[in-house]
N, C-alpha and C. Protein backbone atom coordinates (compact mmCIF):
# COMPACT_ATOMS: atom_id res chain seq x y z
N MET A 1 284.40 -73.35 101.72
CA MET A 1 284.05 -73.84 100.17
C MET A 1 283.84 -75.20 100.44
N GLU A 2 283.01 -75.59 99.45
CA GLU A 2 282.50 -76.70 99.16
C GLU A 2 282.84 -77.26 97.64
N LYS A 3 283.42 -78.11 97.05
CA LYS A 3 283.58 -78.25 95.66
C LYS A 3 282.99 -79.58 95.01
N ALA A 4 281.82 -79.58 94.36
CA ALA A 4 281.38 -81.08 94.12
C ALA A 4 282.13 -81.36 92.77
N ARG A 5 282.46 -82.77 92.76
CA ARG A 5 283.01 -83.32 91.31
C ARG A 5 281.80 -84.61 90.96
N GLY A 6 281.06 -84.30 89.83
CA GLY A 6 279.97 -85.38 88.97
C GLY A 6 280.88 -86.23 88.49
N PRO A 7 279.59 -87.10 87.83
CA PRO A 7 280.18 -87.92 87.07
C PRO A 7 280.74 -87.78 85.62
N ALA A 8 281.02 -88.49 84.66
CA ALA A 8 281.20 -88.29 83.33
C ALA A 8 279.59 -87.75 82.61
N GLY A 9 279.87 -86.61 81.72
CA GLY A 9 278.71 -85.72 81.32
C GLY A 9 278.26 -84.51 82.24
N ASN A 10 278.71 -84.69 83.42
CA ASN A 10 278.57 -83.77 84.21
C ASN A 10 279.44 -83.54 85.14
N PRO A 11 280.85 -83.29 84.81
CA PRO A 11 281.73 -83.17 85.52
C PRO A 11 281.93 -82.19 86.90
N ALA A 12 281.16 -81.06 86.48
CA ALA A 12 280.93 -79.88 87.60
C ALA A 12 279.58 -80.35 88.70
N ALA A 13 278.97 -81.20 88.55
CA ALA A 13 278.05 -81.55 89.36
C ALA A 13 277.04 -80.32 89.62
N ALA A 14 276.72 -80.14 88.11
CA ALA A 14 275.45 -79.06 88.20
C ALA A 14 274.44 -79.60 88.38
N GLY A 15 273.70 -78.83 89.63
CA GLY A 15 272.04 -79.46 89.88
C GLY A 15 272.33 -80.23 90.92
N ALA A 16 273.73 -80.47 91.73
CA ALA A 16 273.65 -80.49 93.36
C ALA A 16 273.38 -80.04 94.28
N ARG A 17 272.64 -80.08 95.05
CA ARG A 17 272.16 -79.34 96.06
C ARG A 17 273.35 -79.54 97.33
N ILE A 18 273.76 -78.72 97.59
CA ILE A 18 274.35 -78.76 98.88
C ILE A 18 274.03 -78.07 100.13
N THR A 19 273.39 -78.77 101.51
CA THR A 19 272.93 -78.38 102.62
C THR A 19 274.30 -78.56 103.80
N LEU A 20 274.62 -77.45 104.19
CA LEU A 20 275.22 -77.39 105.63
C LEU A 20 274.90 -77.40 106.83
N GLU A 21 275.10 -77.90 107.77
CA GLU A 21 274.42 -78.11 109.11
C GLU A 21 275.54 -77.65 109.99
N LEU A 22 274.92 -76.76 110.85
CA LEU A 22 276.09 -76.06 111.37
C LEU A 22 275.82 -76.69 113.30
N ALA A 23 276.71 -76.52 114.02
CA ALA A 23 276.86 -76.84 115.42
C ALA A 23 275.57 -76.40 116.12
N ASP A 24 274.90 -75.68 115.98
CA ASP A 24 273.82 -74.97 116.55
C ASP A 24 272.30 -75.57 115.92
N GLY A 25 272.69 -76.60 114.49
CA GLY A 25 271.57 -77.35 114.13
C GLY A 25 270.66 -76.34 113.18
N SER A 26 271.32 -74.87 112.78
CA SER A 26 270.81 -74.22 111.59
C SER A 26 271.45 -74.86 110.69
N THR A 27 271.05 -74.52 109.16
CA THR A 27 271.06 -75.02 108.08
C THR A 27 271.43 -74.06 107.26
N GLN A 28 272.35 -74.33 105.98
CA GLN A 28 272.41 -73.24 104.91
C GLN A 28 272.30 -74.11 103.68
N THR A 29 271.62 -73.76 102.40
CA THR A 29 271.87 -74.66 101.54
C THR A 29 272.38 -73.51 99.99
N SER A 30 272.69 -74.71 99.16
CA SER A 30 273.23 -73.97 98.18
C SER A 30 272.96 -75.14 96.62
N GLU A 31 273.27 -74.35 95.61
CA GLU A 31 272.70 -74.98 94.45
C GLU A 31 274.04 -75.03 93.50
N VAL A 32 274.78 -75.98 93.06
CA VAL A 32 275.71 -75.89 91.89
C VAL A 32 275.18 -75.69 90.50
N CYS A 33 275.23 -74.11 90.32
CA CYS A 33 274.82 -73.55 88.85
C CYS A 33 275.94 -73.84 87.94
N ALA A 34 275.15 -73.39 86.84
CA ALA A 34 276.36 -73.67 85.36
C ALA A 34 276.06 -72.67 84.67
N GLY A 35 276.76 -71.76 84.00
CA GLY A 35 276.39 -71.03 82.61
C GLY A 35 275.30 -69.69 83.35
N SER A 36 275.77 -68.96 84.41
CA SER A 36 275.07 -68.18 84.87
C SER A 36 275.02 -66.58 84.58
N GLY A 37 276.08 -66.39 83.49
CA GLY A 37 276.73 -65.21 83.17
C GLY A 37 276.58 -65.24 81.50
N THR A 38 276.57 -63.99 81.15
CA THR A 38 276.97 -63.57 79.92
C THR A 38 278.29 -64.04 79.45
N TYR A 39 278.90 -64.91 78.43
CA TYR A 39 279.90 -64.83 77.92
C TYR A 39 280.75 -65.31 79.32
N SER A 40 280.08 -66.13 80.14
CA SER A 40 280.99 -66.39 81.15
C SER A 40 280.57 -67.62 81.83
N GLN A 41 280.85 -68.39 82.65
CA GLN A 41 280.33 -69.48 83.29
C GLN A 41 280.92 -69.62 84.85
N SER A 42 279.90 -69.81 85.74
CA SER A 42 280.09 -69.77 87.02
C SER A 42 280.62 -70.96 87.72
N THR A 43 281.45 -70.84 88.83
CA THR A 43 282.42 -71.90 89.39
C THR A 43 281.20 -72.87 89.94
N ALA A 44 281.85 -74.17 90.06
CA ALA A 44 281.41 -75.47 90.53
C ALA A 44 281.17 -75.37 92.04
N ALA A 45 282.37 -74.13 92.59
CA ALA A 45 282.11 -74.62 94.18
C ALA A 45 280.96 -73.12 94.80
N CYS A 46 280.60 -74.26 96.17
CA CYS A 46 279.59 -73.46 96.81
C CYS A 46 280.26 -72.80 98.03
N PHE A 47 280.00 -71.59 98.48
CA PHE A 47 280.45 -71.07 99.36
C PHE A 47 279.56 -70.78 100.47
N PHE A 48 280.19 -70.81 101.89
CA PHE A 48 278.97 -70.64 103.06
C PHE A 48 279.96 -69.78 104.14
N GLY A 49 279.37 -69.41 104.76
CA GLY A 49 279.46 -68.50 106.13
C GLY A 49 278.85 -69.15 107.15
N TRP A 50 279.49 -68.58 108.69
CA TRP A 50 279.24 -69.09 109.83
C TRP A 50 279.86 -68.30 110.66
N PRO A 51 279.03 -68.27 111.73
CA PRO A 51 279.75 -67.54 113.11
C PRO A 51 280.76 -68.70 113.90
N GLN A 52 281.69 -68.01 114.58
CA GLN A 52 282.74 -68.83 115.16
C GLN A 52 282.17 -69.56 116.25
N ALA A 53 280.82 -69.32 116.78
CA ALA A 53 280.14 -69.78 117.89
C ALA A 53 279.29 -70.90 117.27
N ALA A 54 279.36 -71.28 115.83
CA ALA A 54 278.64 -72.29 115.29
C ALA A 54 279.26 -73.01 114.51
N PRO A 55 280.22 -73.60 114.54
CA PRO A 55 281.18 -74.05 113.21
C PRO A 55 280.44 -75.15 112.41
N PRO A 56 280.74 -75.26 111.35
CA PRO A 56 280.15 -76.60 110.37
C PRO A 56 280.16 -78.01 111.14
N ARG A 57 279.58 -79.07 110.72
CA ARG A 57 279.67 -80.32 111.45
C ARG A 57 279.60 -81.01 110.76
N ARG A 58 278.04 -80.83 109.31
CA ARG A 58 278.09 -81.73 108.60
C ARG A 58 277.27 -81.17 107.28
N LEU A 59 277.61 -82.24 106.08
CA LEU A 59 277.21 -81.84 104.70
C LEU A 59 276.45 -82.84 104.34
N ARG A 60 275.46 -82.36 103.59
CA ARG A 60 274.15 -83.86 102.93
C ARG A 60 274.16 -82.87 101.39
N VAL A 61 274.49 -83.97 100.65
CA VAL A 61 274.38 -83.40 98.84
C VAL A 61 273.46 -84.20 98.49
N ARG A 62 272.58 -83.73 97.77
CA ARG A 62 271.72 -84.21 96.55
C ARG A 62 272.16 -84.02 95.78
N TRP A 63 272.75 -85.20 94.75
CA TRP A 63 273.14 -85.24 93.48
C TRP A 63 272.22 -85.15 92.35
N PRO A 64 272.69 -84.88 91.28
CA PRO A 64 271.38 -84.63 90.28
C PRO A 64 270.85 -85.85 89.81
N SER A 65 271.62 -87.00 90.46
CA SER A 65 271.18 -88.41 90.15
C SER A 65 269.97 -88.62 90.85
N GLY A 66 269.96 -87.77 92.09
CA GLY A 66 268.70 -88.25 92.87
C GLY A 66 269.62 -88.93 94.36
N THR A 67 270.60 -89.19 94.17
CA THR A 67 271.00 -89.96 95.56
C THR A 67 271.99 -88.74 96.04
N VAL A 68 271.58 -89.50 97.62
CA VAL A 68 271.96 -88.35 98.62
C VAL A 68 272.96 -88.90 99.46
N THR A 69 273.72 -88.29 100.13
CA THR A 69 275.07 -88.57 100.43
C THR A 69 275.06 -87.59 101.55
N GLY A 70 276.11 -88.16 102.62
CA GLY A 70 276.28 -87.35 104.00
C GLY A 70 277.69 -87.52 104.36
N HIS A 71 278.43 -86.42 104.83
CA HIS A 71 279.55 -86.12 104.84
C HIS A 71 280.06 -85.26 106.38
N ASP A 72 280.86 -86.01 107.09
CA ASP A 72 280.99 -85.20 108.28
C ASP A 72 282.44 -84.25 108.20
N ILE A 73 282.17 -83.12 108.59
CA ILE A 73 283.29 -82.06 108.43
C ILE A 73 284.51 -81.91 109.35
N PRO A 74 285.50 -82.32 108.82
CA PRO A 74 286.87 -82.30 109.83
C PRO A 74 286.57 -80.81 110.49
N ALA A 75 287.14 -80.62 111.77
CA ALA A 75 287.38 -79.59 112.41
C ALA A 75 288.38 -78.81 111.67
N ARG A 76 288.18 -77.32 111.93
CA ARG A 76 289.06 -76.30 111.26
C ARG A 76 289.07 -76.60 109.74
N ALA A 77 288.30 -77.30 108.83
CA ALA A 77 288.67 -77.39 107.30
C ALA A 77 287.95 -76.33 106.71
N ALA A 78 289.01 -75.69 105.89
CA ALA A 78 288.44 -74.57 105.30
C ALA A 78 287.52 -74.60 103.81
N ALA A 79 288.07 -76.25 103.32
CA ALA A 79 287.85 -76.49 102.09
C ALA A 79 287.05 -78.16 102.09
N VAL A 80 286.08 -78.27 101.32
CA VAL A 80 285.71 -80.14 101.28
C VAL A 80 285.64 -80.33 99.79
N ASP A 81 286.44 -81.28 99.32
CA ASP A 81 286.16 -81.70 97.94
C ASP A 81 285.31 -82.98 98.04
N LEU A 82 284.11 -82.87 97.54
CA LEU A 82 283.13 -84.14 96.97
C LEU A 82 283.09 -84.55 95.90
N ALA A 83 283.08 -85.84 95.69
CA ALA A 83 282.77 -86.75 94.64
C ALA A 83 281.24 -87.30 94.45
N ALA A 84 280.87 -87.23 93.36
CA ALA A 84 279.40 -87.97 93.74
C ALA A 84 280.11 -89.62 93.60
N PRO A 85 278.90 -90.04 93.86
CA PRO A 85 278.94 -91.79 94.43
C PRO A 85 278.85 -92.56 93.14
């Protein structure tokens, strides 16, 4: 699970695009959305799954501002909390 925190005015980082790179070179991408349900709001967390043979190694985030950041993932990390630069 990856959770993005945005700047003032967009604390949920809605619109951030998160790409997860696995050890085998494959990638998965998710976008932080808000307000995607009737009488409800979606979570700012993005959830990814991967095979045990190809654990995650790096995250790339394109923030709503257009800034792109890269983050190495610690071994066996179950969750990563990211903050906008």
